[in-house]
Amino acid sequence: MIPISDNIYTRRKPIVNYWLIGINIALFLWELKLELTGELSYFISNLGVIPAQITEAATQALNGNPAAWIVVVMRSTSLLLSMFLHGSFSQILGNLLFLWVFGKTVENIFGARRYLGFYLASGILTGVIQIIAQPNLSVSLIGANGAIASVLGAYLVKFSKAKIDSVLPLLIVYIPVQIPAIFYLFWWFAQQLFYGIGSLNIPTSINQPSIAYWVHGVGFLIGAAYMRIQQRR
């Protein structure tokens, strides 16, 4: 099932959403270039979230090693940068498709600046929870999954009864249908199983099906909670 658009009228162009999609695409093209030159593994290991490295540096810092704080700060930047990296064609296509369909409406509700802050903060917070969930995990975690799950959560709280224009691919025939928005909550989780399709050639392991990788589903709860708070205001 492929979502195309929703039936919610938006008054302004989702500029931030366009920029987020564009940055993700640009960096993925850069990853493809690095794959050809054999530098992709080094790139991912430096910019991806590796819970074990951050946990070890934080432990040393708390035990009185001042130099370790520099490592903590440097490694913590990966919480932001990793949100714009992807490990496979299926991962980036799935993420950006959901961002295209649901992000524009959420941006219209929040406004451009608040939406940008919401998106980035949700992704970073999800990354922190991933580290807490498996502090000894030594593989890179990358992708905008947590942030986009938050966008989906916020959307479903506000527009749980919305209809999503979708395409049902049947071999070479594509049938247009309208699907309730709530369906895509379950479909988003289901498609995580297929994010290994079209993986880039990265010698080091990334996004293994560990607890930490699946914790980005907490992003949905973050988005839903934030939208509830906004509605009460």
C-alpha atoms as a PDB file:
ATOM      1  CA  MET A   1       0.000   0.000   0.000  1.00  0.00           C
ATOM      2  CA  ILE A   2       1.483   3.319  -1.093  1.00  0.00           C
ATOM      3  CA  PRO A   3       0.147   6.594   0.428  1.00  0.00           C
ATOM      4  CA  ILE A   4      -0.069   9.478  -2.051  1.00  0.00           C
ATOM      5  CA  SER A   5      -1.864  12.346  -0.326  1.00  0.00           C
ATOM      6  CA  ASP A   6      -4.471  13.140   2.313  1.00  0.00           C
ATOM      7  CA  ASN A   7      -7.771  14.974   2.008  1.00  0.00           C
ATOM      8  CA  ILE A   8      -6.841  17.804   4.395  1.00  0.00           C
ATOM      9  CA  TYR A   9      -6.691  21.264   2.864  1.00  0.00           C
ATOM     10  CA  THR A  10      -3.494  23.189   3.674  1.00  0.00           C
ATOM     11  CA  ARG A  11      -3.339  26.969   3.298  1.00  0.00           C
ATOM     12  CA  ARG A  12       0.405  27.391   2.865  1.00  0.00           C
ATOM     13  CA  LYS A  13       3.255  25.568   1.233  1.00  0.00           C
ATOM     14  CA  PRO A  14       5.134  23.212   3.593  1.00  0.00           C
ATOM     15  CA  ILE A  15       8.544  24.817   2.980  1.00  0.00           C
ATOM     16  CA  VAL A  16      10.251  23.144   5.943  1.00  0.00           C
ATOM     17  CA  ASN A  17       8.933  19.759   4.888  1.00  0.00           C
ATOM     18  CA  TYR A  18      10.304  20.313   1.381  1.00  0.00           C
ATOM     19  CA  TRP A  19      13.699  21.241   2.813  1.00  0.00           C
ATOM     20  CA  LEU A  20      13.787  18.190   5.094  1.00  0.00           C
ATOM     21  CA  ILE A  21      13.011  15.908   2.162  1.00  0.00           C
ATOM     22  CA  GLY A  22      15.586  17.658  -0.006  1.00  0.00           C
ATOM     23  CA  ILE A  23      18.354  17.391   2.604  1.00  0.00           C
ATOM     24  CA  ASN A  24      17.651  13.684   3.103  1.00  0.00           C
ATOM     25  CA  ILE A  25      17.814  13.050  -0.638  1.00  0.00           C
ATOM     26  CA  ALA A  26      20.994  15.110  -1.064  1.00  0.00           C
ATOM     27  CA  LEU A  27      22.794  13.246   1.725  1.00  0.00           C
ATOM     28  CA  PHE A  28      21.653   9.881   0.384  1.00  0.00           C
ATOM     29  CA  LEU A  29      23.137  10.774  -2.995  1.00  0.00           C
ATOM     30  CA  TRP A  30      26.342  11.679  -1.147  1.00  0.00           C
ATOM     31  CA  GLU A  31      26.237   8.261   0.537  1.00  0.00           C
ATOM     32  CA  LEU A  32      25.982   6.615  -2.889  1.00  0.00           C
ATOM     33  CA  LYS A  33      29.086   8.544  -3.988  1.00  0.00           C
ATOM     34  CA  LEU A  34      30.976   7.441  -0.866  1.00  0.00           C
ATOM     35  CA  GLU A  35      29.892   3.866  -1.490  1.00  0.00           C
ATOM     36  CA  LEU A  36      31.620   3.963  -4.874  1.00  0.00           C
ATOM     37  CA  THR A  37      34.845   5.273  -3.319  1.00  0.00           C
ATOM     38  CA  GLY A  38      34.793   2.845  -0.388  1.00  0.00           C
ATOM     39  CA  GLU A  39      34.460   5.608   2.216  1.00  0.00           C
ATOM     40  CA  LEU A  40      30.864   4.995   3.241  1.00  0.00           C
ATOM     41  CA  SER A  41      31.611   2.739   6.215  1.00  0.00           C
ATOM     42  CA  TYR A  42      33.895   5.364   7.796  1.00  0.00           C
ATOM     43  CA  PHE A  43      31.299   8.070   7.132  1.00  0.00           C
ATOM     44  CA  ILE A  44      28.475   6.101   8.784  1.00  0.00           C
ATOM     45  CA  SER A  45      30.568   5.022  11.779  1.00  0.00           C
ATOM     46  CA  ASN A  46      31.394   8.676  12.499  1.00  0.00           C
ATOM     47  CA  LEU A  47      27.926  10.165  12.008  1.00  0.00           C
ATOM     48  CA  GLY A  48      25.684   7.303  13.115  1.00  0.00           C
ATOM     49  CA  VAL A  49      24.500   6.877  16.707  1.00  0.00           C
ATOM     50  CA  ILE A  50      26.583   4.168  18.406  1.00  0.00           C
ATOM     51  CA  PRO A  51      25.131   3.767  21.930  1.00  0.00           C
ATOM     52  CA  ALA A  52      28.177   1.939  23.355  1.00  0.00           C
ATOM     53  CA  GLN A  53      30.554   4.777  22.436  1.00  0.00           C
ATOM     54  CA  ILE A  54      28.370   7.473  23.965  1.00  0.00           C
ATOM     55  CA  THR A  55      27.720   5.395  27.089  1.00  0.00           C
ATOM     56  CA  GLU A  56      31.413   4.661  27.606  1.00  0.00           C
ATOM     57  CA  ALA A  57      32.418   8.301  27.144  1.00  0.00           C
ATOM     58  CA  ALA A  58      29.666   9.488  29.495  1.00  0.00           C
ATOM     59  CA  THR A  59      30.731   6.961  32.145  1.00  0.00           C
ATOM     60  CA  GLN A  60      34.352   8.122  31.971  1.00  0.00           C
ATOM     61  CA  ALA A  61      33.274  11.764  32.152  1.00  0.00           C
ATOM     62  CA  LEU A  62      31.146  11.158  35.236  1.00  0.00           C
ATOM     63  CA  ASN A  63      34.051   9.302  36.828  1.00  0.00           C
ATOM     64  CA  GLY A  64      36.209  12.417  36.684  1.00  0.00           C
ATOM     65  CA  ASN A  65      37.819  12.351  33.245  1.00  0.00           C
ATOM     66  CA  PRO A  66      37.411  15.931  31.867  1.00  0.00           C
ATOM     67  CA  ALA A  67      38.648  14.980  28.392  1.00  0.00           C
ATOM     68  CA  ALA A  68      35.800  12.478  28.088  1.00  0.00           C
ATOM     69  CA  TRP A  69      33.293  15.340  28.053  1.00  0.00           C
ATOM     70  CA  ILE A  70      34.693  16.420  24.697  1.00  0.00           C
ATOM     71  CA  VAL A  71      34.028  12.942  23.337  1.00  0.00           C
ATOM     72  CA  VAL A  72      30.507  13.008  24.781  1.00  0.00           C
ATOM     73  CA  VAL A  73      29.761  16.318  23.044  1.00  0.00           C
ATOM     74  CA  MET A  74      31.266  15.193  19.740  1.00  0.00           C
ATOM     75  CA  ARG A  75      29.482  11.832  19.739  1.00  0.00           C
ATOM     76  CA  SER A  76      26.197  13.448  20.808  1.00  0.00           C
ATOM     77  CA  THR A  77      26.106  15.425  17.556  1.00  0.00           C
ATOM     78  CA  SER A  78      25.337  12.091  15.895  1.00  0.00           C
ATOM     79  CA  LEU A  79      21.862  12.267  17.472  1.00  0.00           C
ATOM     80  CA  LEU A  80      21.115  15.082  15.025  1.00  0.00           C
ATOM     81  CA  LEU A  81      23.224  14.099  12.024  1.00  0.00           C
ATOM     82  CA  SER A  82      22.116  10.449  11.947  1.00  0.00           C
ATOM     83  CA  MET A  83      18.531  11.573  11.341  1.00  0.00           C
ATOM     84  CA  PHE A  84      19.473  12.563   7.790  1.00  0.00           C
ATOM     85  CA  LEU A  85      21.289   9.352   6.848  1.00  0.00           C
ATOM     86  CA  HIS A  86      19.779   6.119   5.522  1.00  0.00           C
ATOM     87  CA  GLY A  87      21.146   2.646   4.995  1.00  0.00           C
ATOM     88  CA  SER A  88      19.021   1.418   2.102  1.00  0.00           C
ATOM     89  CA  PHE A  89      16.813   2.531  -0.771  1.00  0.00           C
ATOM     90  CA  SER A  90      13.742   1.038   0.895  1.00  0.00           C
ATOM     91  CA  GLN A  91      14.421   2.918   4.138  1.00  0.00           C
ATOM     92  CA  ILE A  92      14.735   6.346   2.552  1.00  0.00           C
ATOM     93  CA  LEU A  93      11.829   5.807   0.136  1.00  0.00           C
ATOM     94  CA  GLY A  94       9.536   4.609   2.921  1.00  0.00           C
ATOM     95  CA  ASN A  95      10.516   7.400   5.302  1.00  0.00           C
ATOM     96  CA  LEU A  96      10.284  10.230   2.798  1.00  0.00           C
ATOM     97  CA  LEU A  97       6.983   8.993   1.398  1.00  0.00           C
ATOM     98  CA  PHE A  98       5.430   9.158   4.865  1.00  0.00           C
ATOM     99  CA  LEU A  99       7.048  12.551   5.472  1.00  0.00           C
ATOM    100  CA  TRP A 100       5.661  13.858   2.169  1.00  0.00           C
ATOM    101  CA  VAL A 101       2.086  12.728   2.887  1.00  0.00           C
ATOM    102  CA  PHE A 102       1.769  13.473   6.611  1.00  0.00           C
ATOM    103  CA  GLY A 103       4.423  16.118   7.231  1.00  0.00           C
ATOM    104  CA  LYS A 104       2.865  18.858   5.118  1.00  0.00           C
ATOM    105  CA  THR A 105      -0.367  18.798   7.119  1.00  0.00           C
ATOM    106  CA  VAL A 106       1.411  18.745  10.488  1.00  0.00           C
ATOM    107  CA  GLU A 107       3.584  21.681   9.395  1.00  0.00           C
ATOM    108  CA  ASN A 108       0.447  23.587   8.409  1.00  0.00           C
ATOM    109  CA  ILE A 109      -0.885  23.108  11.954  1.00  0.00           C
ATOM    110  CA  PHE A 110       2.300  23.963  13.866  1.00  0.00           C
ATOM    111  CA  GLY A 111       3.761  26.581  11.571  1.00  0.00           C
ATOM    112  CA  ALA A 112       7.189  26.336   9.952  1.00  0.00           C
ATOM    113  CA  ARG A 113       9.487  27.123  12.907  1.00  0.00           C
ATOM    114  CA  ARG A 114       7.583  25.087  15.464  1.00  0.00           C
ATOM    115  CA  TYR A 115       7.344  22.159  13.061  1.00  0.00           C
ATOM    116  CA  LEU A 116      11.109  22.214  12.461  1.00  0.00           C
ATOM    117  CA  GLY A 117      11.770  22.280  16.195  1.00  0.00           C
ATOM    118  CA  PHE A 118       9.258  19.474  16.760  1.00  0.00           C
ATOM    119  CA  TYR A 119      10.797  17.310  14.045  1.00  0.00           C
ATOM    120  CA  LEU A 120      14.395  17.723  15.221  1.00  0.00           C
ATOM    121  CA  ALA A 121      13.592  17.433  18.934  1.00  0.00           C
ATOM    122  CA  SER A 122      11.531  14.279  18.371  1.00  0.00           C
ATOM    123  CA  GLY A 123      14.332  12.644  16.409  1.00  0.00           C
ATOM    124  CA  ILE A 124      16.957  13.559  19.013  1.00  0.00           C
ATOM    125  CA  LEU A 125      14.798  12.412  21.933  1.00  0.00           C
ATOM    126  CA  THR A 126      14.119   9.110  20.203  1.00  0.00           C
ATOM    127  CA  GLY A 127      17.874   8.682  19.760  1.00  0.00           C
ATOM    128  CA  VAL A 128      18.435   9.282  23.484  1.00  0.00           C
ATOM    129  CA  ILE A 129      15.833   6.636  24.316  1.00  0.00           C
ATOM    130  CA  GLN A 130      17.577   4.234  21.925  1.00  0.00           C
ATOM    131  CA  ILE A 131      20.821   4.710  23.855  1.00  0.00           C
ATOM    132  CA  ILE A 132      19.058   4.138  27.180  1.00  0.00           C
ATOM    133  CA  ALA A 133      17.345   1.021  25.810  1.00  0.00           C
ATOM    134  CA  GLN A 134      20.603  -0.649  24.756  1.00  0.00           C
ATOM    135  CA  PRO A 135      23.587   1.281  26.115  1.00  0.00           C
ATOM    136  CA  ASN A 136      26.065  -1.424  25.052  1.00  0.00           C
ATOM    137  CA  LEU A 137      24.975  -1.656  21.418  1.00  0.00           C
ATOM    138  CA  SER A 138      28.042  -1.222  19.211  1.00  0.00           C
ATOM    139  CA  VAL A 139      26.424  -0.802  15.761  1.00  0.00           C
ATOM    140  CA  SER A 140      25.407   2.460  14.074  1.00  0.00           C
ATOM    141  CA  LEU A 141      21.781   3.548  14.173  1.00  0.00           C
ATOM    142  CA  ILE A 142      20.761   5.865  11.342  1.00  0.00           C
ATOM    143  CA  GLY A 143      17.566   7.083   9.719  1.00  0.00           C
ATOM    144  CA  ALA A 144      14.724   9.544  10.229  1.00  0.00           C
ATOM    145  CA  ASN A 145      12.423   6.807  11.534  1.00  0.00           C
ATOM    146  CA  GLY A 146      11.923   8.295  15.007  1.00  0.00           C
ATOM    147  CA  ALA A 147      11.203  11.806  13.759  1.00  0.00           C
ATOM    148  CA  ILE A 148       8.780  10.602  11.099  1.00  0.00           C
ATOM    149  CA  ALA A 149       7.025   8.347  13.602  1.00  0.00           C
ATOM    150  CA  SER A 150       6.459  11.494  15.687  1.00  0.00           C
ATOM    151  CA  VAL A 151       4.977  13.274  12.677  1.00  0.00           C
ATOM    152  CA  LEU A 152       2.641  10.326  12.124  1.00  0.00           C
ATOM    153  CA  GLY A 153       1.670  10.306  15.808  1.00  0.00           C
ATOM    154  CA  ALA A 154       0.840  14.019  15.787  1.00  0.00           C
ATOM    155  CA  TYR A 155      -1.158  13.627  12.566  1.00  0.00           C
ATOM    156  CA  LEU A 156      -3.268  10.732  13.841  1.00  0.00           C
ATOM    157  CA  VAL A 157      -4.180  12.530  17.059  1.00  0.00           C
ATOM    158  CA  LYS A 158      -5.478  15.493  15.072  1.00  0.00           C
ATOM    159  CA  PHE A 159      -6.895  13.696  12.019  1.00  0.00           C
ATOM    160  CA  SER A 160      -7.648  10.130  13.098  1.00  0.00           C
ATOM    161  CA  LYS A 161     -10.603   9.953  10.690  1.00  0.00           C
ATOM    162  CA  ALA A 162      -8.829  11.411   7.677  1.00  0.00           C
ATOM    163  CA  LYS A 163      -8.756   9.467   4.423  1.00  0.00           C
ATOM    164  CA  ILE A 164      -5.463   8.891   2.655  1.00  0.00           C
ATOM    165  CA  ASP A 165      -5.404   8.647  -1.133  1.00  0.00           C
ATOM    166  CA  SER A 166      -3.369   5.514  -1.765  1.00  0.00           C
ATOM    167  CA  VAL A 167      -2.305   3.190  -4.523  1.00  0.00           C
ATOM    168  CA  LEU A 168      -2.640  -0.574  -4.252  1.00  0.00           C
ATOM    169  CA  PRO A 169      -0.011  -2.165  -6.528  1.00  0.00           C
ATOM    170  CA  LEU A 170      -1.113  -5.492  -7.991  1.00  0.00           C
ATOM    171  CA  LEU A 171       1.694  -6.724 -10.236  1.00  0.00           C
ATOM    172  CA  ILE A 172       1.657  -4.159 -13.057  1.00  0.00           C
ATOM    173  CA  VAL A 173      -1.810  -2.781 -12.209  1.00  0.00           C
ATOM    174  CA  TYR A 174      -2.163   0.097  -9.758  1.00  0.00           C
ATOM    175  CA  ILE A 175      -5.578   0.581  -8.180  1.00  0.00           C
ATOM    176  CA  PRO A 176      -6.371   3.961  -6.521  1.00  0.00           C
ATOM    177  CA  VAL A 177      -8.105   3.594  -3.138  1.00  0.00           C
ATOM    178  CA  GLN A 178      -8.837   5.679  -0.040  1.00  0.00           C
ATOM    179  CA  ILE A 179      -7.501   4.257   3.221  1.00  0.00           C
ATOM    180  CA  PRO A 180      -8.245   5.473   6.784  1.00  0.00           C
ATOM    181  CA  ALA A 181      -5.248   7.314   8.224  1.00  0.00           C
ATOM    182  CA  ILE A 182      -5.144   5.004  11.264  1.00  0.00           C
ATOM    183  CA  PHE A 183      -4.216   2.111   8.957  1.00  0.00           C
ATOM    184  CA  TYR A 184      -0.858   3.731   8.262  1.00  0.00           C
ATOM    185  CA  LEU A 185       0.100   3.537  11.921  1.00  0.00           C
ATOM    186  CA  PHE A 186       0.218  -0.254  11.570  1.00  0.00           C
ATOM    187  CA  TRP A 187       1.647  -0.126   8.059  1.00  0.00           C
ATOM    188  CA  TRP A 188       4.498   2.132   9.195  1.00  0.00           C
ATOM    189  CA  PHE A 189       5.571  -0.464  11.757  1.00  0.00           C
ATOM    190  CA  ALA A 190       5.127  -3.299   9.256  1.00  0.00           C
ATOM    191  CA  GLN A 191       7.341  -1.700   6.623  1.00  0.00           C
ATOM    192  CA  GLN A 192      10.252  -1.551   9.090  1.00  0.00           C
ATOM    193  CA  LEU A 193      10.684  -5.256   8.345  1.00  0.00           C
ATOM    194  CA  PHE A 194      11.535  -4.460   4.725  1.00  0.00           C
ATOM    195  CA  TYR A 195      14.071  -1.682   5.272  1.00  0.00           C
ATOM    196  CA  GLY A 196      16.912  -4.053   4.475  1.00  0.00           C
ATOM    197  CA  ILE A 197      15.868  -4.178   0.820  1.00  0.00           C
ATOM    198  CA  GLY A 198      18.307  -2.327  -1.397  1.00  0.00           C
ATOM    199  CA  SER A 199      20.869  -1.921   1.408  1.00  0.00           C
ATOM    200  CA  LEU A 200      24.002   0.071   0.691  1.00  0.00           C
ATOM    201  CA  ASN A 201      27.335  -1.718   0.797  1.00  0.00           C
ATOM    202  CA  ILE A 202      28.397  -0.859   4.352  1.00  0.00           C
ATOM    203  CA  PRO A 203      30.883  -3.367   5.818  1.00  0.00           C
ATOM    204  CA  THR A 204      30.073  -2.366   9.404  1.00  0.00           C
ATOM    205  CA  SER A 205      26.662  -3.355  10.746  1.00  0.00           C
ATOM    206  CA  ILE A 206      23.889  -0.768  10.921  1.00  0.00           C
ATOM    207  CA  ASN A 207      20.291  -0.748  12.131  1.00  0.00           C
ATOM    208  CA  GLN A 208      20.275  -4.341  13.282  1.00  0.00           C
ATOM    209  CA  PRO A 209      16.828  -5.548  14.457  1.00  0.00           C
ATOM    210  CA  SER A 210      17.728  -4.863  18.086  1.00  0.00           C
ATOM    211  CA  ILE A 211      15.602  -3.360  20.824  1.00  0.00           C
ATOM    212  CA  ALA A 212      17.227   0.041  20.274  1.00  0.00           C
ATOM    213  CA  TYR A 213      16.339   0.138  16.579  1.00  0.00           C
ATOM    214  CA  TRP A 214      12.705  -0.678  17.287  1.00  0.00           C
ATOM    215  CA  VAL A 215      12.510   1.893  20.090  1.00  0.00           C
ATOM    216  CA  HIS A 216      12.163   4.613  17.468  1.00  0.00           C
ATOM    217  CA  GLY A 217       8.484   3.618  17.526  1.00  0.00           C
ATOM    218  CA  VAL A 218       8.407   5.626  20.766  1.00  0.00           C
ATOM    219  CA  GLY A 219       8.554   8.597  18.435  1.00  0.00           C
ATOM    220  CA  PHE A 220       4.893   7.968  17.669  1.00  0.00           C
ATOM    221  CA  LEU A 221       4.021   8.472  21.345  1.00  0.00           C
ATOM    222  CA  ILE A 222       6.149  11.618  21.479  1.00  0.00           C
ATOM    223  CA  GLY A 223       4.298  13.121  18.511  1.00  0.00           C
ATOM    224  CA  ALA A 224       0.898  12.109  19.861  1.00  0.00           C
ATOM    225  CA  ALA A 225       1.659  13.595  23.292  1.00  0.00           C
ATOM    226  CA  TYR A 226       2.909  16.865  21.800  1.00  0.00           C
ATOM    227  CA  MET A 227      -0.204  17.254  19.661  1.00  0.00           C
ATOM    228  CA  ARG A 228      -2.388  16.619  22.725  1.00  0.00           C
ATOM    229  CA  ILE A 229      -0.582  19.388  24.570  1.00  0.00           C
ATOM    230  CA  GLN A 230      -1.067  21.773  21.643  1.00  0.00           C
ATOM    231  CA  GLN A 231      -4.774  20.965  21.463  1.00  0.00           C
ATOM    232  CA  ARG A 232      -5.239  21.740  25.153  1.00  0.00           C
ATOM    233  CA  ARG A 233      -3.527  25.088  24.675  1.00  0.00           C
END
